C-alpha atoms as a PDB file:
ATOM      1  CA  MET A   1      55.114 115.064-136.350  1.00  0.00           C
ATOM      2  CA  ASN A   2      58.822 114.514-135.490  1.00  0.00           C
ATOM      3  CA  ASN A   3      61.170 117.010-134.001  1.00  0.00           C
ATOM      4  CA  ASP A   4      62.869 118.092-137.434  1.00  0.00           C
ATOM      5  CA  ASP A   5      59.447 119.165-138.709  1.00  0.00           C
ATOM      6  CA  THR A   6      58.276 121.024-135.846  1.00  0.00           C
ATOM      7  CA  LEU A   7      61.655 122.726-135.577  1.00  0.00           C
ATOM      8  CA  ASN A   8      61.458 123.575-139.246  1.00  0.00           C
ATOM      9  CA  ALA A   9      57.939 124.655-138.896  1.00  0.00           C
ATOM     10  CA  ALA A  10      58.821 126.961-136.255  1.00  0.00           C
ATOM     11  CA  MET A  11      61.780 128.552-138.060  1.00  0.00           C
ATOM     12  CA  ARG A  12      59.103 129.193-141.119  1.00  0.00           C
ATOM     13  CA  HIS A  13      56.693 130.887-138.460  1.00  0.00           C
ATOM     14  CA  LEU A  14      59.595 132.835-137.193  1.00  0.00           C
ATOM     15  CA  ARG A  15      60.410 134.048-140.664  1.00  0.00           C
ATOM     16  CA  ALA A  16      57.122 134.846-141.393  1.00  0.00           C
ATOM     17  CA  LEU A  17      56.538 136.829-138.246  1.00  0.00           C
ATOM     18  CA  TRP A  18      59.987 138.704-139.109  1.00  0.00           C
ATOM     19  CA  ARG A  19      58.678 139.582-142.478  1.00  0.00           C
ATOM     20  CA  ALA A  20      55.348 140.699-141.035  1.00  0.00           C
ATOM     21  CA  GLU A  21      57.278 143.169-138.740  1.00  0.00           C
ATOM     22  CA  THR A  22      59.574 144.534-140.918  1.00  0.00           C
ATOM     23  CA  THR A  23      56.677 145.243-143.534  1.00  0.00           C
ATOM     24  CA  ILE A  24      54.640 146.813-140.735  1.00  0.00           C
ATOM     25  CA  VAL A  25      57.566 149.084-139.739  1.00  0.00           C
ATOM     26  CA  GLU A  26      58.379 150.220-143.434  1.00  0.00           C
ATOM     27  CA  ILE A  27      54.668 151.021-143.801  1.00  0.00           C
ATOM     28  CA  LYS A  28      54.728 153.069-140.592  1.00  0.00           C
ATOM     29  CA  LEU A  29      58.001 154.589-141.563  1.00  0.00           C
ATOM     30  CA  GLY A  30      56.783 155.635-145.113  1.00  0.00           C
ATOM     31  CA  MET A  31      53.343 157.175-143.702  1.00  0.00           C
ATOM     32  CA  PHE A  32      55.833 158.892-141.044  1.00  0.00           C
ATOM     33  CA  ALA A  33      58.071 160.151-143.803  1.00  0.00           C
ATOM     34  CA  LYS A  34      54.968 161.435-146.131  1.00  0.00           C
ATOM     35  CA  ARG A  35      53.295 163.055-143.413  1.00  0.00           C
ATOM     36  CA  SER A  36      56.306 164.806-142.057  1.00  0.00           C
ATOM     37  CA  GLY A  37      57.004 166.120-145.788  1.00  0.00           C
ATOM     38  CA  LEU A  38      53.260 167.168-145.908  1.00  0.00           C
ATOM     39  CA  LEU A  39      53.759 169.125-142.580  1.00  0.00           C
ATOM     40  CA  ALA A  40      57.067 170.668-143.616  1.00  0.00           C
ATOM     41  CA  PHE A  41      55.265 171.846-146.888  1.00  0.00           C
ATOM     42  CA  ALA A  42      52.414 173.032-145.204  1.00  0.00           C
ATOM     43  CA  GLY A  43      54.310 175.126-142.927  1.00  0.00           C
ATOM     44  CA  LEU A  44      56.255 176.700-145.561  1.00  0.00           C
ATOM     45  CA  ILE A  45      53.057 177.556-147.443  1.00  0.00           C
ATOM     46  CA  ALA A  46      51.513 178.915-144.133  1.00  0.00           C
ATOM     47  CA  ALA A  47      54.731 180.894-143.310  1.00  0.00           C
ATOM     48  CA  PHE A  48      54.855 182.847-146.643  1.00  0.00           C
ATOM     49  CA  GLY A  49      51.012 182.716-147.536  1.00  0.00           C
ATOM     50  CA  LEU A  50      49.867 183.612-143.791  1.00  0.00           C
ATOM     51  CA  ALA A  51      52.297 186.402-143.270  1.00  0.00           C
ATOM     52  CA  PHE A  52      50.669 188.329-146.525  1.00  0.00           C
ATOM     53  CA  LEU A  53      47.151 187.366-145.675  1.00  0.00           C
ATOM     54  CA  ASN A  54      48.047 188.757-141.951  1.00  0.00           C
ATOM     55  CA  VAL A  55      49.147 192.003-143.474  1.00  0.00           C
ATOM     56  CA  ALA A  56      46.179 192.275-145.912  1.00  0.00           C
ATOM     57  CA  ALA A  57      43.502 191.323-143.478  1.00  0.00           C
ATOM     58  CA  TYR A  58      44.903 193.906-140.829  1.00  0.00           C
ATOM     59  CA  MET A  59      45.113 196.697-143.428  1.00  0.00           C
ATOM     60  CA  ALA A  60      41.398 195.761-144.236  1.00  0.00           C
ATOM     61  CA  LEU A  61      40.256 195.579-140.909  1.00  0.00           C
ATOM     62  CA  ALA A  62      42.368 198.385-139.104  1.00  0.00           C
ATOM     63  CA  PRO A  63      40.060 201.330-140.303  1.00  0.00           C
ATOM     64  CA  ASP A  64      36.741 199.838-138.901  1.00  0.00           C
ATOM     65  CA  TRP A  65      38.043 197.860-135.967  1.00  0.00           C
ATOM     66  CA  GLY A  66      41.202 199.912-134.783  1.00  0.00           C
ATOM     67  CA  ASP A  67      44.612 198.407-134.563  1.00  0.00           C
ATOM     68  CA  ALA A  68      43.781 196.021-131.726  1.00  0.00           C
ATOM     69  CA  GLY A  69      40.633 194.560-132.670  1.00  0.00           C
ATOM     70  CA  ALA A  70      42.045 193.717-136.205  1.00  0.00           C
ATOM     71  CA  MET A  71      45.152 191.776-134.728  1.00  0.00           C
ATOM     72  CA  VAL A  72      42.851 190.007-132.468  1.00  0.00           C
ATOM     73  CA  ILE A  73      40.716 188.942-135.470  1.00  0.00           C
ATOM     74  CA  VAL A  74      43.621 188.210-137.431  1.00  0.00           C
ATOM     75  CA  ALA A  75      45.292 186.239-134.592  1.00  0.00           C
ATOM     76  CA  VAL A  76      41.941 184.195-134.268  1.00  0.00           C
ATOM     77  CA  ALA A  77      42.160 183.213-137.620  1.00  0.00           C
ATOM     78  CA  ASP A  78      45.550 182.070-137.812  1.00  0.00           C
ATOM     79  CA  PHE A  79      44.661 179.676-134.760  1.00  0.00           C
ATOM     80  CA  ILE A  80      41.798 178.300-136.544  1.00  0.00           C
ATOM     81  CA  LEU A  81      43.870 177.685-139.436  1.00  0.00           C
ATOM     82  CA  ALA A  82      46.727 176.257-137.417  1.00  0.00           C
ATOM     83  CA  GLY A  83      44.254 173.915-135.827  1.00  0.00           C
ATOM     84  CA  ILE A  84      42.769 172.676-138.900  1.00  0.00           C
ATOM     85  CA  LEU A  85      46.319 171.900-140.496  1.00  0.00           C
ATOM     86  CA  VAL A  86      47.468 170.074-137.037  1.00  0.00           C
ATOM     87  CA  PHE A  87      43.937 167.872-137.429  1.00  0.00           C
ATOM     88  CA  LEU A  88      44.745 166.903-140.891  1.00  0.00           C
ATOM     89  CA  ALA A  89      48.321 166.341-139.981  1.00  0.00           C
ATOM     90  CA  THR A  90      47.401 163.763-137.181  1.00  0.00           C
ATOM     91  CA  ARG A  91      44.669 161.876-138.599  1.00  0.00           C
ATOM     92  CA  GLU A  92      45.382 158.135-138.850  1.00  0.00           C
ATOM     93  CA  ALA A  93      44.520 156.411-142.063  1.00  0.00           C
ATOM     94  CA  ARG A  94      44.136 152.840-141.558  1.00  0.00           C
ATOM     95  CA  ASP A  95      45.457 151.293-144.811  1.00  0.00           C
ATOM     96  CA  ALA A  96      44.702 147.822-146.237  1.00  0.00           C
ATOM     97  CA  GLU A  97      48.367 147.160-146.462  1.00  0.00           C
ATOM     98  CA  ILE A  98      49.357 147.522-142.955  1.00  0.00           C
ATOM     99  CA  ALA A  99      45.912 145.728-141.821  1.00  0.00           C
ATOM    100  CA  LEU A 100      47.326 142.590-143.941  1.00  0.00           C
ATOM    101  CA  ALA A 101      50.685 143.025-142.369  1.00  0.00           C
ATOM    102  CA  GLU A 102      49.565 142.851-138.838  1.00  0.00           C
ATOM    103  CA  GLU A 103      47.156 139.771-139.797  1.00  0.00           C
ATOM    104  CA  LEU A 104      50.045 137.754-141.036  1.00  0.00           C
ATOM    105  CA  ARG A 105      51.921 138.519-138.021  1.00  0.00           C
ATOM    106  CA  ASP A 106      49.088 137.373-135.640  1.00  0.00           C
ATOM    107  CA  GLN A 107      48.845 134.035-137.642  1.00  0.00           C
ATOM    108  CA  ALA A 108      52.793 133.845-137.584  1.00  0.00           C
ATOM    109  CA  VAL A 109      52.409 134.242-133.830  1.00  0.00           C
ATOM    110  CA  GLN A 110      49.509 131.834-133.379  1.00  0.00           C
ATOM    111  CA  ALA A 111      51.566 129.062-135.488  1.00  0.00           C
ATOM    112  CA  LEU A 112      54.573 129.471-133.061  1.00  0.00           C
ATOM    113  CA  GLU A 113      52.412 129.053-130.111  1.00  0.00           C
ATOM    114  CA  LEU A 114      50.943 125.927-131.674  1.00  0.00           C
ATOM    115  CA  ASP A 115      54.505 124.722-132.543  1.00  0.00           C
ATOM    116  CA  ALA A 116      55.679 125.328-129.010  1.00  0.00           C
ATOM    117  CA  ARG A 117      52.935 123.342-127.565  1.00  0.00           C
ATOM    118  CA  ILE A 118      53.347 120.306-129.672  1.00  0.00           C
ATOM    119  CA  ALA A 119      57.075 120.533-128.832  1.00  0.00           C
ATOM    120  CA  PHE A 120      56.121 120.747-125.135  1.00  0.00           C
ATOM    121  CA  ASP A 121      53.868 117.888-125.581  1.00  0.00           C
ATOM    122  CA  ASP A 122      56.689 115.698-127.361  1.00  0.00           C
ATOM    123  CA  VAL A 123      58.751 116.579-124.061  1.00  0.00           C
ATOM    124  CA  THR A 124      56.339 115.928-121.394  1.00  0.00           C
ATOM    125  CA  GLY A 125      55.233 112.722-123.281  1.00  0.00           C
ATOM    126  CA  PHE A 126      58.907 111.454-123.249  1.00  0.00           C
ATOM    127  CA  VAL A 127      59.412 112.481-119.447  1.00  0.00           C
ATOM    128  CA  ARG A 128      56.034 110.713-118.420  1.00  0.00           C
ATOM    129  CA  ARG A 129      57.253 107.493-120.130  1.00  0.00           C
ATOM    130  CA  PRO A 130      60.716 106.965-119.115  1.00  0.00           C
ATOM    131  CA  VAL A 131      59.897 103.694-116.987  1.00  0.00           C
ATOM    132  CA  GLN A 132      58.195 102.217-119.896  1.00  0.00           C
ATOM    133  CA  MET A 133      61.207 103.174-121.822  1.00  0.00           C
ATOM    134  CA  ALA A 134      63.449 101.843-119.709  1.00  0.00           C
ATOM    135  CA  GLY A 135      61.531  98.570-119.485  1.00  0.00           C
ATOM    136  CA  SER A 136      61.351  98.037-123.133  1.00  0.00           C
ATOM    137  CA  ALA A 137      65.015  98.873-123.605  1.00  0.00           C
ATOM    138  CA  SER A 138      66.171  96.415-120.990  1.00  0.00           C
ATOM    139  CA  ALA A 139      63.960  93.707-122.275  1.00  0.00           C
ATOM    140  CA  VAL A 140      65.586  94.376-125.737  1.00  0.00           C
ATOM    141  CA  ILE A 141      69.154  94.478-123.778  1.00  0.00           C
ATOM    142  CA  ILE A 142      68.349  91.080-121.856  1.00  0.00           C
ATOM    143  CA  SER A 143      67.119  89.253-125.198  1.00  0.00           C
ATOM    144  CA  ILE A 144      70.374  90.186-126.896  1.00  0.00           C
ATOM    145  CA  ILE A 145      72.491  89.207-124.132  1.00  0.00           C
ATOM    146  CA  THR A 146      70.705  85.903-123.843  1.00  0.00           C
ATOM    147  CA  ALA A 147      71.231  85.193-127.592  1.00  0.00           C
ATOM    148  CA  ILE A 148      75.040  86.110-127.296  1.00  0.00           C
ATOM    149  CA  LEU A 149      75.053  83.609-124.307  1.00  0.00           C
ATOM    150  CA  ARG A 150      73.496  80.919-126.183  1.00  0.00           C
ATOM    151  CA  ALA A 151      75.363  81.131-129.298  1.00  0.00           C
ATOM    152  CA  ARG A 152      78.719  80.821-127.259  1.00  0.00           C
ATOM    153  CA  ARG A 153      77.798  77.589-125.361  1.00  0.00           C
END
């Protein structure tokens, strides 16, 4: 593999890495927007429904439990309902799409690491053999100069 092929492969892998990362971000933003919308809607429903439910529960419990007891029971029920809504909103669903995008990202990173190792080996191989290369080049230059001098005679 020559340097141009290595560079082209590295660029392809960088583009794949970029696409995988942007796909992951888009999926996560979509999930965040969906979750936020559901939380906002749940909050709106909870505000209206809970207000009426609290009044109705208080009115039903007040004759038997008294004013303070009825308020405590209604408040505990409100906290339980709020806890359930928070639990549902914060559950992480591991979608197949994000798993695929993360797998593509990991493959691109591995390919870039392999390209970097190949390029490093090419460079270190060149640096290890400068004397051999200089000896070969000097032999070629000497033979050319010799041929030129013979031709002038």
